[in-house]
C-alpha atoms as a PDB file:
ATOM      1  CA  MET A   1     113.643 130.505 134.012  1.00  0.00           C
ATOM      2  CA  SER A   2     112.277 133.548 131.107  1.00  0.00           C
ATOM      3  CA  LEU A   3     108.817 132.250 130.342  1.00  0.00           C
ATOM      4  CA  ALA A   4     108.109 134.775 127.782  1.00  0.00           C
ATOM      5  CA  VAL A   5     111.765 133.835 126.025  1.00  0.00           C
ATOM      6  CA  ASP A   6     113.607 131.142 127.129  1.00  0.00           C
ATOM      7  CA  PRO A   7     112.319 128.625 129.524  1.00  0.00           C
ATOM      8  CA  LEU A   8     115.500 128.358 131.007  1.00  0.00           C
ATOM      9  CA  GLY A   9     116.686 131.739 131.309  1.00  0.00           C
ATOM     10  CA  SER A  10     116.885 134.058 134.600  1.00  0.00           C
ATOM     11  CA  GLY A  11     116.263 137.200 136.371  1.00  0.00           C
ATOM     12  CA  LEU A  12     113.239 138.975 138.109  1.00  0.00           C
ATOM     13  CA  ASP A  13     111.085 139.753 135.294  1.00  0.00           C
ATOM     14  CA  ALA A  14     111.502 136.117 133.940  1.00  0.00           C
ATOM     15  CA  LEU A  15     109.054 134.877 136.264  1.00  0.00           C
ATOM     16  CA  ALA A  16     106.734 136.898 136.134  1.00  0.00           C
ATOM     17  CA  PRO A  17     103.380 136.065 133.590  1.00  0.00           C
ATOM     18  CA  LEU A  18     104.745 138.082 130.580  1.00  0.00           C
ATOM     19  CA  PRO A  19     103.344 137.442 127.656  1.00  0.00           C
ATOM     20  CA  ALA A  20     104.371 134.883 125.168  1.00  0.00           C
ATOM     21  CA  ILE A  21     106.037 135.766 122.120  1.00  0.00           C
ATOM     22  CA  ALA A  22     104.776 134.855 118.468  1.00  0.00           C
ATOM     23  CA  GLY A  23     105.669 131.371 117.920  1.00  0.00           C
ATOM     24  CA  THR A  24     105.847 129.531 120.954  1.00  0.00           C
ATOM     25  CA  ASP A  25     104.733 126.688 122.006  1.00  0.00           C
ATOM     26  CA  PRO A  26     103.112 127.006 125.572  1.00  0.00           C
ATOM     27  CA  LYS A  27     103.292 123.231 126.030  1.00  0.00           C
ATOM     28  CA  HIS A  28     106.933 122.687 124.859  1.00  0.00           C
ATOM     29  CA  VAL A  29     107.519 125.389 127.081  1.00  0.00           C
ATOM     30  CA  ALA A  30     105.800 123.598 130.267  1.00  0.00           C
ATOM     31  CA  ARG A  31     107.233 120.519 129.106  1.00  0.00           C
ATOM     32  CA  MET A  32     111.232 122.012 129.113  1.00  0.00           C
ATOM     33  CA  ILE A  33     110.789 123.242 132.566  1.00  0.00           C
ATOM     34  CA  THR A  34     109.503 120.110 133.702  1.00  0.00           C
ATOM     35  CA  GLU A  35     111.771 117.940 132.117  1.00  0.00           C
ATOM     36  CA  ARG A  36     114.645 120.440 133.059  1.00  0.00           C
ATOM     37  CA  SER A  37     113.655 120.323 136.723  1.00  0.00           C
ATOM     38  CA  GLY A  38     114.943 116.498 137.198  1.00  0.00           C
ATOM     39  CA  THR A  39     111.476 116.307 138.946  1.00  0.00           C
ATOM     40  CA  SER A  40     110.494 112.892 140.878  1.00  0.00           C
ATOM     41  CA  PHE A  41     107.632 113.012 139.376  1.00  0.00           C
ATOM     42  CA  GLY A  42     108.896 112.462 136.026  1.00  0.00           C
ATOM     43  CA  PRO A  43     108.102 108.737 135.892  1.00  0.00           C
ATOM     44  CA  GLY A  44     104.651 108.880 137.147  1.00  0.00           C
ATOM     45  CA  MET A  45     104.067 111.230 134.190  1.00  0.00           C
ATOM     46  CA  LYS A  46     105.461 109.665 131.529  1.00  0.00           C
ATOM     47  CA  ILE A  47     102.921 106.378 131.889  1.00  0.00           C
ATOM     48  CA  LEU A  48     100.051 109.035 131.354  1.00  0.00           C
ATOM     49  CA  PRO A  49      98.350 109.336 127.744  1.00  0.00           C
ATOM     50  CA  GLN A  50      99.356 112.886 125.886  1.00  0.00           C
ATOM     51  CA  LYS A  51      96.901 115.352 127.228  1.00  0.00           C
ATOM     52  CA  ARG A  52      96.770 114.188 130.953  1.00  0.00           C
ATOM     53  CA  ARG A  53     101.086 114.168 130.438  1.00  0.00           C
ATOM     54  CA  GLU A  54     100.304 117.731 128.869  1.00  0.00           C
ATOM     55  CA  GLY A  55      98.742 118.524 131.886  1.00  0.00           C
ATOM     56  CA  MET A  56     101.017 117.347 134.776  1.00  0.00           C
ATOM     57  CA  TRP A  57     103.664 119.488 132.606  1.00  0.00           C
ATOM     58  CA  ALA A  58     101.604 122.961 132.558  1.00  0.00           C
ATOM     59  CA  LEU A  59     101.181 122.308 136.311  1.00  0.00           C
ATOM     60  CA  TYR A  60     104.796 121.370 137.230  1.00  0.00           C
ATOM     61  CA  ALA A  61     105.807 124.118 135.294  1.00  0.00           C
ATOM     62  CA  PHE A  62     103.662 126.634 137.040  1.00  0.00           C
ATOM     63  CA  SER A  63     104.682 125.095 140.653  1.00  0.00           C
ATOM     64  CA  ARG A  64     107.848 125.852 139.870  1.00  0.00           C
ATOM     65  CA  VAL A  65     107.958 129.682 139.008  1.00  0.00           C
ATOM     66  CA  ILE A  66     106.168 130.495 141.519  1.00  0.00           C
ATOM     67  CA  ASP A  67     108.238 127.985 143.863  1.00  0.00           C
ATOM     68  CA  ASP A  68     111.401 130.325 142.200  1.00  0.00           C
ATOM     69  CA  ILE A  69     109.532 133.413 143.149  1.00  0.00           C
ATOM     70  CA  ALA A  70     110.102 132.713 146.673  1.00  0.00           C
ATOM     71  CA  ASP A  71     113.006 131.274 146.935  1.00  0.00           C
ATOM     72  CA  GLU A  72     114.929 133.517 144.720  1.00  0.00           C
ATOM     73  CA  ASP A  73     116.815 136.322 147.710  1.00  0.00           C
ATOM     74  CA  TRP A  74     114.566 139.625 146.471  1.00  0.00           C
ATOM     75  CA  ALA A  75     112.820 142.570 148.264  1.00  0.00           C
ATOM     76  CA  LEU A  76     109.912 141.220 149.383  1.00  0.00           C
ATOM     77  CA  GLU A  77     107.861 144.091 147.827  1.00  0.00           C
ATOM     78  CA  ASP A  78     109.085 142.267 144.146  1.00  0.00           C
ATOM     79  CA  LYS A  79     107.952 139.168 145.260  1.00  0.00           C
ATOM     80  CA  HIS A  80     104.553 140.187 146.473  1.00  0.00           C
ATOM     81  CA  ARG A  81     103.695 141.976 143.049  1.00  0.00           C
ATOM     82  CA  LEU A  82     105.148 138.589 140.977  1.00  0.00           C
ATOM     83  CA  LEU A  83     103.145 136.309 143.195  1.00  0.00           C
ATOM     84  CA  ASP A  84     100.098 139.035 142.794  1.00  0.00           C
ATOM     85  CA  ASP A  85     100.528 138.729 139.011  1.00  0.00           C
ATOM     86  CA  TRP A  86      99.822 134.959 139.001  1.00  0.00           C
ATOM     87  CA  ARG A  87      97.109 135.271 141.048  1.00  0.00           C
ATOM     88  CA  ALA A  88      95.686 137.359 138.393  1.00  0.00           C
ATOM     89  CA  GLU A  89      97.207 135.010 135.701  1.00  0.00           C
ATOM     90  CA  ILE A  90      95.557 132.812 137.320  1.00  0.00           C
ATOM     91  CA  ALA A  91      92.004 134.934 136.730  1.00  0.00           C
ATOM     92  CA  ARG A  92      93.356 135.081 132.833  1.00  0.00           C
ATOM     93  CA  VAL A  93      93.172 130.693 132.532  1.00  0.00           C
ATOM     94  CA  TYR A  94      89.919 130.761 134.015  1.00  0.00           C
ATOM     95  CA  ASP A  95      88.736 133.178 131.416  1.00  0.00           C
ATOM     96  CA  GLY A  96      90.944 131.226 128.402  1.00  0.00           C
ATOM     97  CA  ALA A  97      92.989 134.790 128.324  1.00  0.00           C
ATOM     98  CA  ALA A  98      96.160 133.645 129.538  1.00  0.00           C
ATOM     99  CA  LEU A  99      98.877 135.436 128.425  1.00  0.00           C
ATOM    100  CA  SER A 100     102.270 133.748 129.226  1.00  0.00           C
ATOM    101  CA  ALA A 101     103.405 130.623 127.759  1.00  0.00           C
ATOM    102  CA  VAL A 102     102.873 129.071 131.229  1.00  0.00           C
ATOM    103  CA  GLY A 103      99.679 130.462 131.857  1.00  0.00           C
ATOM    104  CA  GLN A 104      98.471 129.222 128.266  1.00  0.00           C
ATOM    105  CA  ALA A 105      99.278 125.720 128.662  1.00  0.00           C
ATOM    106  CA  LEU A 106      97.254 125.197 131.857  1.00  0.00           C
ATOM    107  CA  VAL A 107      94.351 126.788 129.717  1.00  0.00           C
ATOM    108  CA  GLU A 108      93.028 123.647 128.457  1.00  0.00           C
ATOM    109  CA  PRO A 109      93.886 120.962 130.990  1.00  0.00           C
ATOM    110  CA  VAL A 110      91.780 123.443 133.684  1.00  0.00           C
ATOM    111  CA  ARG A 111      88.765 123.183 130.705  1.00  0.00           C
ATOM    112  CA  LEU A 112      89.152 119.440 130.079  1.00  0.00           C
ATOM    113  CA  PHE A 113      90.005 118.129 133.118  1.00  0.00           C
ATOM    114  CA  ASN A 114      87.541 121.029 135.542  1.00  0.00           C
ATOM    115  CA  LEU A 115      90.031 121.878 137.769  1.00  0.00           C
ATOM    116  CA  PRO A 116      89.462 124.035 140.805  1.00  0.00           C
ATOM    117  CA  ARG A 117      90.845 127.627 140.898  1.00  0.00           C
ATOM    118  CA  ALA A 118      90.722 127.302 144.402  1.00  0.00           C
ATOM    119  CA  GLU A 119      93.435 124.906 144.794  1.00  0.00           C
ATOM    120  CA  PHE A 120      95.472 127.313 142.274  1.00  0.00           C
ATOM    121  CA  LEU A 121      95.219 130.084 144.464  1.00  0.00           C
ATOM    122  CA  ALA A 122      95.834 127.903 147.471  1.00  0.00           C
ATOM    123  CA  LEU A 123      99.439 126.586 146.149  1.00  0.00           C
ATOM    124  CA  ILE A 124     100.136 130.558 145.546  1.00  0.00           C
ATOM    125  CA  ASP A 125      99.207 131.014 148.863  1.00  0.00           C
ATOM    126  CA  GLY A 126     101.452 128.754 150.693  1.00  0.00           C
ATOM    127  CA  MET A 127     104.010 130.136 148.437  1.00  0.00           C
ATOM    128  CA  GLN A 128     103.301 133.581 149.998  1.00  0.00           C
ATOM    129  CA  MET A 129     104.163 131.805 153.482  1.00  0.00           C
ATOM    130  CA  ASP A 130     107.774 130.691 152.163  1.00  0.00           C
ATOM    131  CA  ALA A 131     108.081 134.411 150.459  1.00  0.00           C
ATOM    132  CA  ASP A 132     107.241 136.455 153.765  1.00  0.00           C
ATOM    133  CA  GLY A 133     109.469 133.854 155.449  1.00  0.00           C
ATOM    134  CA  PRO A 134     111.920 132.591 156.220  1.00  0.00           C
ATOM    135  CA  VAL A 135     109.678 129.717 157.396  1.00  0.00           C
ATOM    136  CA  VAL A 136     110.963 129.241 160.904  1.00  0.00           C
ATOM    137  CA  ALA A 137     109.885 126.504 163.734  1.00  0.00           C
ATOM    138  CA  PRO A 138     106.157 126.811 162.641  1.00  0.00           C
ATOM    139  CA  SER A 139     103.779 126.078 165.088  1.00  0.00           C
ATOM    140  CA  MET A 140     101.850 122.315 164.296  1.00  0.00           C
ATOM    141  CA  GLU A 141      98.925 124.404 163.300  1.00  0.00           C
ATOM    142  CA  ASP A 142     101.253 126.544 160.415  1.00  0.00           C
ATOM    143  CA  LEU A 143     102.996 123.978 159.318  1.00  0.00           C
ATOM    144  CA  ARG A 144      99.909 121.614 158.405  1.00  0.00           C
ATOM    145  CA  ARG A 145      98.861 124.867 156.619  1.00  0.00           C
ATOM    146  CA  TYR A 146     101.307 125.170 155.186  1.00  0.00           C
ATOM    147  CA  THR A 147     101.744 121.499 153.742  1.00  0.00           C
ATOM    148  CA  ARG A 148      97.846 121.888 152.887  1.00  0.00           C
ATOM    149  CA  ARG A 149      98.524 124.803 150.301  1.00  0.00           C
ATOM    150  CA  VAL A 150     102.278 123.226 148.700  1.00  0.00           C
ATOM    151  CA  ALA A 151     101.441 120.040 148.504  1.00  0.00           C
ATOM    152  CA  GLY A 152      97.773 119.044 149.099  1.00  0.00           C
ATOM    153  CA  ALA A 153      96.455 121.708 146.504  1.00  0.00           C
ATOM    154  CA  VAL A 154      98.778 119.968 143.893  1.00  0.00           C
ATOM    155  CA  GLY A 155      97.202 116.168 144.840  1.00  0.00           C
ATOM    156  CA  MET A 156      93.945 117.680 144.714  1.00  0.00           C
ATOM    157  CA  ILE A 157      94.985 119.211 140.846  1.00  0.00           C
ATOM    158  CA  SER A 158      96.624 116.197 140.078  1.00  0.00           C
ATOM    159  CA  MET A 159      93.800 113.369 141.135  1.00  0.00           C
ATOM    160  CA  ARG A 160      92.054 115.346 138.322  1.00  0.00           C
ATOM    161  CA  ILE A 161      94.303 115.645 135.719  1.00  0.00           C
ATOM    162  CA  PHE A 162      95.060 111.700 136.289  1.00  0.00           C
ATOM    163  CA  GLY A 163      91.399 110.731 135.455  1.00  0.00           C
ATOM    164  CA  ALA A 164      91.610 109.338 139.424  1.00  0.00           C
ATOM    165  CA  TRP A 165      88.843 111.904 141.267  1.00  0.00           C
ATOM    166  CA  VAL A 166      86.289 109.588 142.744  1.00  0.00           C
ATOM    167  CA  GLY A 167      84.928 112.298 145.079  1.00  0.00           C
ATOM    168  CA  ALA A 168      85.036 112.481 149.040  1.00  0.00           C
ATOM    169  CA  ALA A 169      88.126 109.600 149.181  1.00  0.00           C
ATOM    170  CA  SER A 170      90.163 111.061 146.302  1.00  0.00           C
ATOM    171  CA  GLU A 171      90.555 114.280 148.940  1.00  0.00           C
ATOM    172  CA  ARG A 172      91.281 112.023 152.025  1.00  0.00           C
ATOM    173  CA  PHE A 173      94.096 110.404 149.561  1.00  0.00           C
ATOM    174  CA  ALA A 174      95.567 113.797 147.405  1.00  0.00           C
ATOM    175  CA  LEU A 175      95.796 115.474 151.299  1.00  0.00           C
ATOM    176  CA  ALA A 176      96.972 112.643 153.166  1.00  0.00           C
ATOM    177  CA  LEU A 177      99.940 112.014 150.539  1.00  0.00           C
ATOM    178  CA  GLY A 178     100.388 115.137 150.059  1.00  0.00           C
ATOM    179  CA  ASP A 179     101.375 115.932 153.850  1.00  0.00           C
ATOM    180  CA  ALA A 180     103.547 112.715 153.363  1.00  0.00           C
ATOM    181  CA  PHE A 181     105.401 113.875 150.755  1.00  0.00           C
ATOM    182  CA  GLN A 182     105.831 117.064 152.318  1.00  0.00           C
ATOM    183  CA  LEU A 183     106.866 115.863 155.000  1.00  0.00           C
ATOM    184  CA  THR A 184     109.283 113.621 153.963  1.00  0.00           C
ATOM    185  CA  ASN A 185     110.888 116.315 151.785  1.00  0.00           C
ATOM    186  CA  ILE A 186     111.054 118.323 155.489  1.00  0.00           C
ATOM    187  CA  LEU A 187     113.073 115.789 156.765  1.00  0.00           C
ATOM    188  CA  ARG A 188     115.451 114.982 154.001  1.00  0.00           C
ATOM    189  CA  ASP A 189     116.079 118.514 152.940  1.00  0.00           C
ATOM    190  CA  VAL A 190     116.620 120.274 156.891  1.00  0.00           C
ATOM    191  CA  GLU A 191     120.280 120.650 155.774  1.00  0.00           C
ATOM    192  CA  GLU A 192     119.352 122.411 152.932  1.00  0.00           C
ATOM    193  CA  ASP A 193     116.744 124.646 153.864  1.00  0.00           C
ATOM    194  CA  ALA A 194     119.302 125.925 157.039  1.00  0.00           C
ATOM    195  CA  GLU A 195     121.250 126.786 155.147  1.00  0.00           C
ATOM    196  CA  LEU A 196     118.488 129.317 153.473  1.00  0.00           C
ATOM    197  CA  GLY A 197     117.571 130.092 156.934  1.00  0.00           C
ATOM    198  CA  ARG A 198     114.856 128.044 156.515  1.00  0.00           C
ATOM    199  CA  LEU A 199     113.669 125.379 159.272  1.00  0.00           C
ATOM    200  CA  TYR A 200     110.330 123.929 158.785  1.00  0.00           C
ATOM    201  CA  LEU A 201     110.561 121.008 161.829  1.00  0.00           C
ATOM    202  CA  PRO A 202     107.389 122.286 164.115  1.00  0.00           C
ATOM    203  CA  ARG A 203     108.053 124.413 167.587  1.00  0.00           C
ATOM    204  CA  GLU A 204     106.656 121.852 169.631  1.00  0.00           C
ATOM    205  CA  SER A 205     108.404 118.901 168.573  1.00  0.00           C
ATOM    206  CA  LEU A 206     111.885 121.237 168.834  1.00  0.00           C
ATOM    207  CA  GLU A 207     111.173 121.947 172.373  1.00  0.00           C
ATOM    208  CA  THR A 208     109.834 118.773 173.383  1.00  0.00           C
ATOM    209  CA  TYR A 209     113.243 117.200 173.196  1.00  0.00           C
ATOM    210  CA  GLY A 210     115.297 120.685 173.867  1.00  0.00           C
ATOM    211  CA  ALA A 211     116.370 120.866 170.052  1.00  0.00           C
ATOM    212  CA  ALA A 212     117.273 124.162 168.362  1.00  0.00           C
ATOM    213  CA  THR A 213     115.014 126.295 167.150  1.00  0.00           C
ATOM    214  CA  THR A 214     117.013 128.152 165.006  1.00  0.00           C
ATOM    215  CA  PRO A 215     118.118 127.115 161.679  1.00  0.00           C
ATOM    216  CA  SER A 216     121.884 127.972 162.420  1.00  0.00           C
ATOM    217  CA  ARG A 217     121.816 125.302 165.209  1.00  0.00           C
ATOM    218  CA  ILE A 218     119.535 122.727 164.218  1.00  0.00           C
ATOM    219  CA  ALA A 219     121.888 120.850 161.175  1.00  0.00           C
ATOM    220  CA  SER A 220     124.423 119.848 164.293  1.00  0.00           C
ATOM    221  CA  ASP A 221     121.837 119.274 166.900  1.00  0.00           C
ATOM    222  CA  PRO A 222     122.156 116.064 168.493  1.00  0.00           C
ATOM    223  CA  ASN A 223     118.603 116.312 169.547  1.00  0.00           C
ATOM    224  CA  LEU A 224     117.842 116.593 165.906  1.00  0.00           C
ATOM    225  CA  PRO A 225     116.887 112.424 165.189  1.00  0.00           C
ATOM    226  CA  LYS A 226     114.528 113.245 168.163  1.00  0.00           C
ATOM    227  CA  VAL A 227     112.607 115.454 166.544  1.00  0.00           C
ATOM    228  CA  ALA A 228     112.969 113.549 163.120  1.00  0.00           C
ATOM    229  CA  ARG A 229     111.743 110.327 164.122  1.00  0.00           C
ATOM    230  CA  ASP A 230     108.758 112.110 165.791  1.00  0.00           C
ATOM    231  CA  ILE A 231     108.160 113.317 162.179  1.00  0.00           C
ATOM    232  CA  GLY A 232     108.588 110.728 160.230  1.00  0.00           C
ATOM    233  CA  ALA A 233     105.916 108.471 162.207  1.00  0.00           C
ATOM    234  CA  LEU A 234     103.397 111.402 161.153  1.00  0.00           C
ATOM    235  CA  ALA A 235     104.836 111.267 157.527  1.00  0.00           C
ATOM    236  CA  ARG A 236     104.459 107.447 157.614  1.00  0.00           C
ATOM    237  CA  ALA A 237     100.912 107.818 159.560  1.00  0.00           C
ATOM    238  CA  GLU A 238      99.994 110.218 156.712  1.00  0.00           C
ATOM    239  CA  PHE A 239     100.945 107.508 154.118  1.00  0.00           C
ATOM    240  CA  GLU A 240      98.658 104.875 155.875  1.00  0.00           C
ATOM    241  CA  ARG A 241      95.993 107.238 155.686  1.00  0.00           C
ATOM    242  CA  ALA A 242      96.877 107.419 151.741  1.00  0.00           C
ATOM    243  CA  ARG A 243      96.561 103.811 151.015  1.00  0.00           C
ATOM    244  CA  ASP A 244      93.401 103.288 153.199  1.00  0.00           C
ATOM    245  CA  GLU A 245      91.771 105.145 150.289  1.00  0.00           C
ATOM    246  CA  ILE A 246      93.334 103.258 147.142  1.00  0.00           C
ATOM    247  CA  PRO A 247      90.439 100.279 146.861  1.00  0.00           C
ATOM    248  CA  ALA A 248      87.817 103.556 146.454  1.00  0.00           C
ATOM    249  CA  HIS A 249      89.682 104.159 143.128  1.00  0.00           C
ATOM    250  CA  SER A 250      90.604 102.656 139.487  1.00  0.00           C
ATOM    251  CA  ARG A 251      94.061 101.676 140.261  1.00  0.00           C
ATOM    252  CA  ARG A 252      95.044 102.227 136.677  1.00  0.00           C
ATOM    253  CA  ALA A 253      93.953 105.786 136.916  1.00  0.00           C
ATOM    254  CA  LEU A 254      95.950 105.867 140.472  1.00  0.00           C
ATOM    255  CA  MET A 255      98.813 104.791 138.975  1.00  0.00           C
ATOM    256  CA  PRO A 256     101.426 108.182 138.237  1.00  0.00           C
ATOM    257  CA  ALA A 257     100.468 108.675 142.414  1.00  0.00           C
ATOM    258  CA  LEU A 258     101.079 105.228 143.331  1.00  0.00           C
ATOM    259  CA  MET A 259     104.530 105.409 140.977  1.00  0.00           C
ATOM    260  CA  MET A 260     105.148 108.871 143.803  1.00  0.00           C
ATOM    261  CA  MET A 261     104.121 106.977 146.707  1.00  0.00           C
ATOM    262  CA  GLY A 262     106.579 103.958 146.370  1.00  0.00           C
ATOM    263  CA  VAL A 263     109.492 106.423 145.824  1.00  0.00           C
ATOM    264  CA  TYR A 264     108.806 108.989 148.171  1.00  0.00           C
ATOM    265  CA  GLU A 265     107.894 106.200 151.031  1.00  0.00           C
ATOM    266  CA  SER A 266     111.160 104.929 150.231  1.00  0.00           C
ATOM    267  CA  TYR A 267     112.717 107.578 151.477  1.00  0.00           C
ATOM    268  CA  LEU A 268     111.435 107.799 154.531  1.00  0.00           C
ATOM    269  CA  ALA A 269     112.147 104.231 154.996  1.00  0.00           C
ATOM    270  CA  GLN A 270     115.853 105.072 154.726  1.00  0.00           C
ATOM    271  CA  MET A 271     115.427 107.749 157.229  1.00  0.00           C
ATOM    272  CA  GLU A 272     113.279 105.210 159.323  1.00  0.00           C
ATOM    273  CA  ALA A 273     115.949 102.320 158.890  1.00  0.00           C
ATOM    274  CA  ALA A 274     119.223 104.544 159.624  1.00  0.00           C
ATOM    275  CA  GLY A 275     117.574 106.128 162.834  1.00  0.00           C
ATOM    276  CA  PHE A 276     116.869 109.449 161.264  1.00  0.00           C
ATOM    277  CA  ASP A 277     121.195 109.582 161.784  1.00  0.00           C
ATOM    278  CA  ARG A 278     122.063 112.808 159.680  1.00  0.00           C
ATOM    279  CA  THR A 279     124.941 111.139 158.077  1.00  0.00           C
ATOM    280  CA  THR A 280     123.025 108.573 156.245  1.00  0.00           C
ATOM    281  CA  PRO A 281     122.762 109.453 152.624  1.00  0.00           C
ATOM    282  CA  VAL A 282     118.787 109.476 151.451  1.00  0.00           C
ATOM    283  CA  ARG A 283     118.836 108.345 147.839  1.00  0.00           C
ATOM    284  CA  LEU A 284     117.817 106.440 145.067  1.00  0.00           C
ATOM    285  CA  SER A 285     119.084 106.224 141.706  1.00  0.00           C
ATOM    286  CA  LYS A 286     116.237 106.609 138.693  1.00  0.00           C
ATOM    287  CA  PRO A 287     116.396 102.705 137.856  1.00  0.00           C
ATOM    288  CA  GLN A 288     115.611 102.121 141.436  1.00  0.00           C
ATOM    289  CA  LYS A 289     112.871 105.061 141.686  1.00  0.00           C
ATOM    290  CA  VAL A 290     111.293 103.245 138.347  1.00  0.00           C
ATOM    291  CA  TRP A 291     111.114 100.170 140.370  1.00  0.00           C
ATOM    292  CA  ARG A 292     110.310 101.129 143.296  1.00  0.00           C
ATOM    293  CA  GLY A 293     106.902 103.277 141.591  1.00  0.00           C
ATOM    294  CA  LEU A 294     106.428  99.969 140.075  1.00  0.00           C
ATOM    295  CA  ARG A 295     106.521  97.940 142.899  1.00  0.00           C
ATOM    296  CA  ALA A 296     103.824 100.088 144.594  1.00  0.00           C
ATOM    297  CA  VAL A 297     101.823  99.682 141.566  1.00  0.00           C
ATOM    298  CA  ILE A 298     101.781  96.262 141.820  1.00  0.00           C
ATOM    299  CA  TRP A 299     101.343  96.168 145.344  1.00  0.00           C
ATOM    300  CA  PRO A 300      99.805  98.963 146.750  1.00  0.00           C
ATOM    301  CA  GLY A 301      98.890  97.473 150.096  1.00  0.00           C
ATOM    302  CA  ALA A 302     102.663  96.969 150.868  1.00  0.00           C
ATOM    303  CA  ARG A 303     104.967  99.505 152.550  1.00  0.00           C
ATOM    304  CA  ALA A 304     107.748 100.618 151.102  1.00  0.00           C
ATOM    305  CA  HIS A 305     111.064  99.746 152.623  1.00  0.00           C
ATOM    306  CA  ALA A 306     114.759 101.073 152.743  1.00  0.00           C
END
């Protein structure tokens, strides 16, 4: 995606925080990047008031760009340069002098919602872990560090954009839900990640069950469901920790997070119901996503089911 000319472009320089061309509408660029991605967070964003919705578009566009930097098959020094360029762009965002369209889209939300700079930098650090990788059978400690950066940071920022931030309870909610989302994604995407030479399942769990610790062998390993069951239990526990913090918040302000929670917990429930069998598809149609999200808003204390 080219941030300087065409948000749907491609190429190494297209992911750099290049100066936006005259006449570019930063909010439009952020919205296009978000909508073209087909993110599961879309329904949750749509229910927000305009300024908060624009804030989420900007956050998602930023996350998408740095994730693409980490994912592309470029030289490590190029990835480092681009991520460092985005660290510098975040500094410019907080000075109100962003160069790129995505950076400019972040300036207003950062000011309006008092978004913490450290969380943007933590998110870049998480992508740095992928860029320096591939991540293969990390220790549980390293996996937790990774999920805190790539998912927890997004949650910490999002809660403020939603208008749901109330302090310590919000931090606990955001970090637990971020872990739950990321662990669920890891379980759902084992095969896809393996094709990219990645294996996010923790080494301790793999070794406990005698499962492969290499991406090329993990998808066909008969012990994979046992490992997935244990990581699924961790994800389930994080969903429950997040649920414990819901009463401390305004239900209205928390609606986008609850809608996302309903979708991702449904993915986990599907895998649990299948015994983490890898031949059973894990998917929800768009109407199902909307319903599961609304169900979580209406009955936040109830677990999602398969």
